[in-house]
C-alpha atoms as a PDB file:
ATOM      1  CA  MET A   1      66.105 101.661  69.039  1.00  0.00           C
ATOM      2  CA  ARG A   2      65.557  98.650  71.487  1.00  0.00           C
ATOM      3  CA  LYS A   3      69.251  97.538  71.251  1.00  0.00           C
ATOM      4  CA  LEU A   4      70.356 101.068  71.943  1.00  0.00           C
ATOM      5  CA  THR A   5      68.065 101.311  74.965  1.00  0.00           C
ATOM      6  CA  THR A   6      69.310  98.059  76.342  1.00  0.00           C
ATOM      7  CA  HIS A   7      73.065  99.172  76.003  1.00  0.00           C
ATOM      8  CA  VAL A   8      72.442 102.442  77.706  1.00  0.00           C
ATOM      9  CA  SER A   9      70.399 100.923  80.541  1.00  0.00           C
ATOM     10  CA  GLY A  10      73.248  98.363  81.092  1.00  0.00           C
ATOM     11  CA  LEU A  11      75.845 101.101  81.222  1.00  0.00           C
ATOM     12  CA  ALA A  12      73.637 102.994  83.755  1.00  0.00           C
ATOM     13  CA  CYS A  13      73.291  99.866  85.826  1.00  0.00           C
ATOM     14  CA  LEU A  14      77.165  99.434  85.838  1.00  0.00           C
ATOM     15  CA  LEU A  15      77.662 103.061  87.028  1.00  0.00           C
ATOM     16  CA  ALA A  16      75.093 102.692  89.855  1.00  0.00           C
ATOM     17  CA  ALA A  17      76.214 101.499  93.240  1.00  0.00           C
ATOM     18  CA  GLY A  18      75.631  97.875  93.902  1.00  0.00           C
ATOM     19  CA  CYS A  19      75.161  96.619  90.301  1.00  0.00           C
ATOM     20  CA  THR A  20      76.689  93.197  90.147  1.00  0.00           C
ATOM     21  CA  SER A  21      76.154  91.879  86.643  1.00  0.00           C
ATOM     22  CA  VAL A  22      76.645  92.770  83.035  1.00  0.00           C
ATOM     23  CA  ASP A  23      73.361  93.548  80.933  1.00  0.00           C
ATOM     24  CA  THR A  24      72.806  91.700  77.712  1.00  0.00           C
ATOM     25  CA  GLY A  25      73.978  94.832  75.702  1.00  0.00           C
ATOM     26  CA  LEU A  26      77.465  94.105  77.252  1.00  0.00           C
ATOM     27  CA  ARG A  27      77.664  90.339  76.879  1.00  0.00           C
ATOM     28  CA  ASN A  28      80.985  90.334  75.448  1.00  0.00           C
ATOM     29  CA  THR A  29      82.510  92.806  78.064  1.00  0.00           C
ATOM     30  CA  VAL A  30      84.463  92.265  81.319  1.00  0.00           C
ATOM     31  CA  VAL A  31      83.840  95.115  83.697  1.00  0.00           C
ATOM     32  CA  LEU A  32      86.674  96.052  86.096  1.00  0.00           C
ATOM     33  CA  HIS A  33      85.803  98.452  88.977  1.00  0.00           C
ATOM     34  CA  TYR A  34      88.859 100.354  90.570  1.00  0.00           C
ATOM     35  CA  GLN A  35      89.805 102.989  93.157  1.00  0.00           C
ATOM     36  CA  HIS A  36      92.732 105.216  92.832  1.00  0.00           C
ATOM     37  CA  VAL A  37      94.001 105.232  96.377  1.00  0.00           C
ATOM     38  CA  ALA A  38      97.322 107.083  96.517  1.00  0.00           C
ATOM     39  CA  ASN A  39      99.951 108.974  94.749  1.00  0.00           C
ATOM     40  CA  VAL A  40     103.353 108.033  96.135  1.00  0.00           C
ATOM     41  CA  HIS A  41     106.467 110.196  95.547  1.00  0.00           C
ATOM     42  CA  GLN A  42     109.289 107.829  96.964  1.00  0.00           C
ATOM     43  CA  ILE A  43     109.545 104.278  97.682  1.00  0.00           C
ATOM     44  CA  VAL A  44     111.971 102.905 100.341  1.00  0.00           C
ATOM     45  CA  PHE A  45     112.850  99.225 100.017  1.00  0.00           C
ATOM     46  CA  SER A  46     112.454  96.942 103.089  1.00  0.00           C
ATOM     47  CA  ALA A  47     115.716  95.281 102.207  1.00  0.00           C
ATOM     48  CA  PRO A  48     118.411  96.819 100.024  1.00  0.00           C
ATOM     49  CA  LEU A  49     118.424  95.650  96.467  1.00  0.00           C
ATOM     50  CA  GLU A  50     121.790  94.250  95.112  1.00  0.00           C
ATOM     51  CA  LEU A  51     122.371  94.884  91.467  1.00  0.00           C
ATOM     52  CA  PRO A  52     125.201  93.207  89.527  1.00  0.00           C
ATOM     53  CA  ARG A  53     126.507  96.406  87.821  1.00  0.00           C
ATOM     54  CA  ARG A  54     126.357  98.639  91.009  1.00  0.00           C
ATOM     55  CA  ALA A  55     129.024  98.675  93.764  1.00  0.00           C
ATOM     56  CA  LEU A  56     126.409  99.668  96.403  1.00  0.00           C
ATOM     57  CA  PRO A  57     122.914  98.315  97.083  1.00  0.00           C
ATOM     58  CA  VAL A  58     119.901 100.484  96.199  1.00  0.00           C
ATOM     59  CA  HIS A  59     117.858 101.609  99.270  1.00  0.00           C
ATOM     60  CA  THR A  60     115.271 103.807  97.659  1.00  0.00           C
ATOM     61  CA  VAL A  61     113.866 104.909  94.301  1.00  0.00           C
ATOM     62  CA  LEU A  62     112.637 108.446  93.174  1.00  0.00           C
ATOM     63  CA  PRO A  63     110.916 109.815  90.078  1.00  0.00           C
ATOM     64  CA  LEU A  64     112.995 111.144  87.283  1.00  0.00           C
ATOM     65  CA  GLU A  65     111.549 114.533  87.817  1.00  0.00           C
ATOM     66  CA  SER A  66     110.227 116.118  90.926  1.00  0.00           C
ATOM     67  CA  GLN A  67     106.575 116.048  89.746  1.00  0.00           C
ATOM     68  CA  GLY A  68     106.667 112.361  88.998  1.00  0.00           C
ATOM     69  CA  PHE A  69     104.880 109.803  91.241  1.00  0.00           C
ATOM     70  CA  TRP A  70     103.570 106.319  91.552  1.00  0.00           C
ATOM     71  CA  ALA A  71      99.728 106.127  91.058  1.00  0.00           C
ATOM     72  CA  VAL A  72      98.494 103.331  93.169  1.00  0.00           C
ATOM     73  CA  PHE A  73      95.219 101.606  92.406  1.00  0.00           C
ATOM     74  CA  VAL A  74      93.117  98.865  93.976  1.00  0.00           C
ATOM     75  CA  LEU A  75      91.174  96.636  91.698  1.00  0.00           C
ATOM     76  CA  CYS A  76      87.824  96.497  93.639  1.00  0.00           C
ATOM     77  CA  SER A  77      85.801  93.831  91.696  1.00  0.00           C
ATOM     78  CA  LEU A  78      85.643  92.066  88.387  1.00  0.00           C
ATOM     79  CA  ASP A  79      82.490  91.125  86.443  1.00  0.00           C
ATOM     80  CA  ALA A  80      82.815  88.466  83.888  1.00  0.00           C
ATOM     81  CA  THR A  81      79.301  87.472  83.773  1.00  0.00           C
ATOM     82  CA  GLY A  82      78.553  88.492  80.289  1.00  0.00           C
ATOM     83  CA  ALA A  83      76.925  85.621  78.322  1.00  0.00           C
ATOM     84  CA  ASN A  84      79.908  85.396  75.805  1.00  0.00           C
ATOM     85  CA  VAL A  85      82.661  85.641  78.388  1.00  0.00           C
ATOM     86  CA  PRO A  86      83.837  82.164  79.272  1.00  0.00           C
ATOM     87  CA  SER A  87      86.920  83.581  81.165  1.00  0.00           C
ATOM     88  CA  PHE A  88      89.150  86.460  81.596  1.00  0.00           C
ATOM     89  CA  TYR A  89      93.028  86.587  81.870  1.00  0.00           C
ATOM     90  CA  PHE A  90      94.042  89.222  84.262  1.00  0.00           C
ATOM     91  CA  ASP A  91      97.692  90.514  84.137  1.00  0.00           C
ATOM     92  CA  VAL A  92      98.700  93.631  86.211  1.00  0.00           C
ATOM     93  CA  ASP A  93     101.134  94.746  83.466  1.00  0.00           C
ATOM     94  CA  ARG A  94      98.238  95.184  81.007  1.00  0.00           C
ATOM     95  CA  PHE A  95      96.924  98.291  82.944  1.00  0.00           C
ATOM     96  CA  HIS A  96      97.966 101.772  81.991  1.00  0.00           C
ATOM     97  CA  VAL A  97      97.058 105.256  82.783  1.00  0.00           C
ATOM     98  CA  ARG A  98      95.326 107.356  80.193  1.00  0.00           C
ATOM     99  CA  TYR A  99      95.774 111.078  80.623  1.00  0.00           C
ATOM    100  CA  GLY A 100      94.880 113.191  77.514  1.00  0.00           C
ATOM    101  CA  LYS A 101      97.045 111.706  74.668  1.00  0.00           C
ATOM    102  CA  GLN A 102      99.459 110.079  77.062  1.00  0.00           C
ATOM    103  CA  ARG A 103      99.384 106.383  77.800  1.00  0.00           C
ATOM    104  CA  ILE A 104     101.654 105.353  80.725  1.00  0.00           C
ATOM    105  CA  GLY A 105     102.215 101.736  81.668  1.00  0.00           C
ATOM    106  CA  PRO A 106     104.931  99.459  83.087  1.00  0.00           C
ATOM    107  CA  LEU A 107     108.368 100.784  84.185  1.00  0.00           C
ATOM    108  CA  ARG A 108     110.752 101.533  81.387  1.00  0.00           C
ATOM    109  CA  PRO A 109     114.531 101.941  81.440  1.00  0.00           C
ATOM    110  CA  TYR A 110     116.225 105.221  82.294  1.00  0.00           C
ATOM    111  CA  THR A 111     113.204 106.695  83.969  1.00  0.00           C
ATOM    112  CA  LEU A 112     113.842 106.214  87.608  1.00  0.00           C
ATOM    113  CA  ARG A 113     116.435 107.674  90.046  1.00  0.00           C
ATOM    114  CA  LEU A 114     118.301 105.313  92.272  1.00  0.00           C
ATOM    115  CA  ASP A 115     119.142 106.426  95.947  1.00  0.00           C
ATOM    116  CA  ASP A 116     118.460 110.106  95.192  1.00  0.00           C
ATOM    117  CA  THR A 117     121.448 110.253  92.679  1.00  0.00           C
ATOM    118  CA  ALA A 118     121.968 110.858  89.097  1.00  0.00           C
ATOM    119  CA  ASP A 119     122.005 107.221  88.509  1.00  0.00           C
ATOM    120  CA  LEU A 120     119.042 105.845  86.439  1.00  0.00           C
ATOM    121  CA  ASN A 121     117.768 102.153  86.039  1.00  0.00           C
ATOM    122  CA  ASN A 122     119.336 100.748  82.950  1.00  0.00           C
ATOM    123  CA  ARG A 123     117.746  98.117  80.771  1.00  0.00           C
ATOM    124  CA  HIS A 124     119.522  95.302  82.776  1.00  0.00           C
ATOM    125  CA  GLU A 125     118.281  96.525  86.014  1.00  0.00           C
ATOM    126  CA  THR A 126     114.636  97.509  85.204  1.00  0.00           C
ATOM    127  CA  LEU A 127     113.038  94.106  85.628  1.00  0.00           C
ATOM    128  CA  ALA A 128     114.720  93.648  89.168  1.00  0.00           C
ATOM    129  CA  VAL A 129     113.806  97.094  90.335  1.00  0.00           C
ATOM    130  CA  ALA A 130     110.145  96.686  89.084  1.00  0.00           C
ATOM    131  CA  GLN A 131     109.825  93.463  90.994  1.00  0.00           C
ATOM    132  CA  VAL A 132     111.089  94.956  94.231  1.00  0.00           C
ATOM    133  CA  ILE A 133     108.721  97.948  93.847  1.00  0.00           C
ATOM    134  CA  ALA A 134     105.833  95.569  93.385  1.00  0.00           C
ATOM    135  CA  GLY A 135     106.990  93.668  96.461  1.00  0.00           C
ATOM    136  CA  GLU A 136     106.585  96.943  98.401  1.00  0.00           C
ATOM    137  CA  ILE A 137     103.318  98.133  97.085  1.00  0.00           C
ATOM    138  CA  GLN A 138     101.421  95.228  95.316  1.00  0.00           C
ATOM    139  CA  ALA A 139      98.700  93.113  97.048  1.00  0.00           C
ATOM    140  CA  GLY A 140      97.230  90.257  95.175  1.00  0.00           C
ATOM    141  CA  PRO A 141      98.627  88.215  92.167  1.00  0.00           C
ATOM    142  CA  SER A 142     100.333  89.622  89.233  1.00  0.00           C
ATOM    143  CA  SER A 143      98.263  87.463  87.027  1.00  0.00           C
ATOM    144  CA  GLN A 144      95.242  85.138  87.240  1.00  0.00           C
ATOM    145  CA  VAL A 145      92.536  83.506  85.083  1.00  0.00           C
ATOM    146  CA  PHE A 146      89.147  84.381  86.216  1.00  0.00           C
ATOM    147  CA  ARG A 147      86.397  81.988  85.141  1.00  0.00           C
ATOM    148  CA  HIS A 148      82.949  83.159  84.197  1.00  0.00           C
ATOM    149  CA  GLY A 149      81.325  84.840  87.203  1.00  0.00           C
ATOM    150  CA  TYR A 150      81.278  87.832  89.388  1.00  0.00           C
ATOM    151  CA  TYR A 151      84.249  88.627  91.784  1.00  0.00           C
ATOM    152  CA  PRO A 152      83.541  91.196  94.425  1.00  0.00           C
ATOM    153  CA  GLN A 153      85.956  92.668  96.964  1.00  0.00           C
ATOM    154  CA  LEU A 154      89.177  91.588  95.230  1.00  0.00           C
ATOM    155  CA  ASP A 155      91.256  94.394  96.731  1.00  0.00           C
ATOM    156  CA  TYR A 156      94.293  93.776  94.279  1.00  0.00           C
ATOM    157  CA  ARG A 157      96.635  96.623  94.872  1.00  0.00           C
ATOM    158  CA  PHE A 158      99.260  97.768  92.278  1.00  0.00           C
ATOM    159  CA  ALA A 159     101.189 100.924  91.127  1.00  0.00           C
ATOM    160  CA  ILE A 160     101.828 102.573  87.794  1.00  0.00           C
ATOM    161  CA  TYR A 161     104.814 104.855  87.599  1.00  0.00           C
ATOM    162  CA  LEU A 162     104.570 108.357  86.018  1.00  0.00           C
ATOM    163  CA  PRO A 163     108.162 109.603  85.734  1.00  0.00           C
ATOM    164  CA  ARG A 164     107.607 113.134  84.821  1.00  0.00           C
ATOM    165  CA  GLY A 165     104.206 113.997  86.370  1.00  0.00           C
ATOM    166  CA  LEU A 166     101.183 115.207  84.373  1.00  0.00           C
ATOM    167  CA  PRO A 167     100.344 118.611  83.075  1.00  0.00           C
ATOM    168  CA  ASP A 168      97.582 120.455  84.897  1.00  0.00           C
ATOM    169  CA  TYR A 169      96.970 117.402  87.070  1.00  0.00           C
ATOM    170  CA  SER A 170      95.188 118.519  90.227  1.00  0.00           C
ATOM    171  CA  GLY A 171      95.204 115.256  92.237  1.00  0.00           C
ATOM    172  CA  ASP A 172      91.983 113.792  91.131  1.00  0.00           C
ATOM    173  CA  GLN A 173      91.244 110.081  90.124  1.00  0.00           C
ATOM    174  CA  LEU A 174      93.298 109.136  87.161  1.00  0.00           C
ATOM    175  CA  THR A 175      91.764 107.139  84.237  1.00  0.00           C
ATOM    176  CA  LEU A 176      92.769 103.441  84.208  1.00  0.00           C
ATOM    177  CA  ARG A 177      92.585 101.290  80.984  1.00  0.00           C
ATOM    178  CA  TYR A 178      93.243  97.597  80.367  1.00  0.00           C
ATOM    179  CA  GLU A 179      94.724  96.120  77.135  1.00  0.00           C
ATOM    180  CA  GLY A 180      93.602  92.803  75.961  1.00  0.00           C
ATOM    181  CA  GLY A 181      90.087  91.578  75.456  1.00  0.00           C
ATOM    182  CA  GLN A 182      86.855  93.602  75.579  1.00  0.00           C
ATOM    183  CA  THR A 183      86.989  95.521  78.859  1.00  0.00           C
ATOM    184  CA  MET A 184      85.243  98.357  80.664  1.00  0.00           C
ATOM    185  CA  VAL A 185      87.320  99.899  83.477  1.00  0.00           C
ATOM    186  CA  LEU A 186      85.305 102.104  85.886  1.00  0.00           C
ATOM    187  CA  GLY A 187      86.648 104.223  88.751  1.00  0.00           C
ATOM    188  CA  ASN A 188      84.511 104.860  91.921  1.00  0.00           C
ATOM    189  CA  GLY A 189      85.523 108.596  91.758  1.00  0.00           C
ATOM    190  CA  TYR A 190      87.299 108.982  95.049  1.00  0.00           C
ATOM    191  CA  PRO A 191      90.418 111.169  94.974  1.00  0.00           C
ATOM    192  CA  PRO A 192      93.807 109.535  95.990  1.00  0.00           C
ATOM    193  CA  SER A 193      95.788 110.370  99.135  1.00  0.00           C
ATOM    194  CA  ASP A 194      99.107 112.090  98.675  1.00  0.00           C
ATOM    195  CA  ILE A 195     101.927 110.007 100.279  1.00  0.00           C
ATOM    196  CA  PRO A 196     105.529 111.513 100.320  1.00  0.00           C
ATOM    197  CA  VAL A 197     107.305 108.156 101.041  1.00  0.00           C
ATOM    198  CA  ALA A 198     106.111 104.558 101.037  1.00  0.00           C
ATOM    199  CA  GLY A 199     107.566 101.116 101.503  1.00  0.00           C
ATOM    200  CA  LEU A 200     107.838  98.382 103.935  1.00  0.00           C
ATOM    201  CA  GLY A 201     105.079  96.380 102.285  1.00  0.00           C
ATOM    202  CA  GLY A 202     102.903  99.205 101.442  1.00  0.00           C
ATOM    203  CA  LEU A 203     102.282 100.334 105.011  1.00  0.00           C
ATOM    204  CA  GLY A 204     100.124 103.575 105.048  1.00  0.00           C
ATOM    205  CA  ILE A 205      98.557 102.904 101.577  1.00  0.00           C
ATOM    206  CA  ALA A 206      94.818 101.996 101.454  1.00  0.00           C
ATOM    207  CA  SER A 207      94.360  98.348 100.640  1.00  0.00           C
ATOM    208  CA  HIS A 208      90.533  98.217 100.416  1.00  0.00           C
ATOM    209  CA  CYS A 209      88.004 100.132  98.148  1.00  0.00           C
ATOM    210  CA  PHE A 210      85.379 102.365  99.484  1.00  0.00           C
ATOM    211  CA  PRO A 211      81.829 101.264  98.876  1.00  0.00           C
END
């Protein structure tokens, strides 16, 4: 009973505003706090993207279907103070959105429209397109090793692409998960802004978490 009580009290502490450390009941767990800041429906590149297999450069990318979007998140803080957590390897590509039974992660081939045409990103182009999208939206490193400790106010921004939208989605915060290691990923509950067009280094998209 005492062990269960300790675990529950630790979880309550994590959900409370201002909690900055992991309780002994979560000594093996890294806790990541995030905010879902925006849903973006089109990305315009700051500089046209030249692709080897295309005669013309790519200026913009759009979702495969009209209801698709990029869900943009900010990693607010990271708590690796658990007694049994020596370090934590962060990789932005290990995040995914969980919606019902769907698990949506990094960009996949043939899921993205190029320049509002019927052309889709093929498997040879996908990495280059993903890198340019990250250059327009992402703030902070793509990967990093965090030593044991607490890291507040990280403000690492990144996007996860949802090519077909989500059934019955009403625009609320989406559930974010992380693959690799023992983690708990907690959103702060604020709903995202809806942004029709983004680009030019992420101008107009929030880059900081609300308290």
